[in-house]
Protein backbone atom coordinates (compact mmCIF):
# COMPACT_ATOMS: atom_id res chain seq x y z
CA MET A 1 0.16 0.07 0.08
CA VAL A 2 2.70 2.60 0.54
CA LEU A 3 4.77 1.19 -2.22
CA HIS A 4 2.37 1.78 -4.44
CA SER A 5 0.85 5.40 -3.36
CA LYS A 6 1.85 8.46 -4.99
CA SER A 7 3.77 9.88 -2.35
CA PRO A 8 7.08 11.08 -2.94
CA ARG A 9 9.80 8.39 -2.18
CA GLY A 10 10.98 9.75 0.75
CA ILE A 11 7.97 10.10 2.68
CA LYS A 12 7.83 6.18 1.51
CA ILE A 13 10.81 5.65 3.32
CA ILE A 14 9.86 7.11 6.48
CA ALA A 15 6.70 4.90 6.41
CA LEU A 16 7.95 2.00 5.94
CA SER A 17 10.71 3.19 8.68
CA LEU A 18 8.17 3.78 10.92
CA MET A 19 6.05 0.42 10.14
CA LEU A 20 9.74 -1.13 10.90
CA VAL A 21 9.96 0.31 14.24
CA LEU A 22 6.61 -0.86 15.31
CA ALA A 23 7.22 -4.08 13.83
CA SER A 24 10.35 -4.33 15.99
CA ALA A 25 8.68 -3.32 19.27
CA ALA A 26 5.56 -5.32 19.16
CA PRO A 27 7.12 -8.56 19.89
CA ILE A 28 8.49 -6.97 23.40
CA MET A 29 5.78 -5.16 23.93
CA LEU A 30 3.25 -7.63 23.83
CA TYR A 31 5.77 -10.24 25.91
CA SER A 32 6.14 -7.51 28.59
CA LEU A 33 2.57 -7.17 28.50
CA PHE A 34 1.29 -10.84 28.42
CA GLY A 35 4.54 -12.47 29.42
CA PRO A 36 5.41 -13.18 33.16
CA ASP A 37 6.91 -10.59 35.28
CA ASP A 38 10.50 -11.28 35.61
CA GLY A 39 11.33 -9.28 32.73
CA GLY A 40 11.35 -9.72 28.64
CA PRO A 41 14.38 -12.45 26.99
CA VAL A 42 17.55 -10.48 25.70
CA PHE A 43 16.47 -11.23 21.97
CA LEU A 44 13.14 -8.99 22.06
CA GLY A 45 15.31 -6.49 23.69
CA TRP A 46 18.25 -6.71 20.77
CA LEU A 47 15.33 -7.14 17.96
CA PHE A 48 13.88 -4.01 19.16
CA ALA A 49 17.37 -2.38 19.23
CA VAL A 50 18.30 -3.14 15.86
CA GLY A 51 14.89 -2.36 14.36
CA ALA A 52 15.22 1.00 16.12
CA VAL A 53 18.27 2.17 14.60
CA LEU A 54 17.57 0.50 11.20
CA ALA A 55 14.30 2.71 11.23
CA HIS A 56 16.25 6.05 12.62
CA VAL A 57 18.50 5.44 9.62
CA GLY A 58 15.25 4.79 7.33
CA PHE A 59 13.72 8.41 8.70
CA LEU A 60 17.19 10.39 8.58
CA ILE A 61 17.27 9.12 4.47
CA GLY A 62 13.53 9.81 3.80
CA ILE A 63 14.19 12.97 5.28
CA LEU A 64 17.36 13.94 3.16
CA LEU A 65 15.13 12.93 0.36
CA VAL A 66 12.39 15.01 0.87
CA ILE A 67 14.93 18.00 1.69
CA TRP A 68 16.70 17.16 -1.76
CA ASP A 69 12.84 16.80 -3.80
CA LEU A 70 11.85 19.83 -2.67
CA HIS A 71 14.59 22.45 -2.91
CA PHE A 72 17.27 20.59 -5.07
CA ALA A 73 15.73 18.57 -7.98
CA LYS A 74 15.32 19.84 -11.36
CA LYS A 75 11.80 20.98 -12.09
């Protein structure tokens, strides 16, 4: 749905990055909500950390693409 929209490419990358951070945070949030009270597994923490870092890099690339397309692209 995001990839087939008519949005600029930077906005698409930002939307995909947001979906990535939500997908990487969902397992640890569900575990902390429904799992035992002994704390979360380390793997889920690392999954969230890696997903968050990749999503932030994607967000930065998306913002730079939006700025490039608005200010420097030839029209």
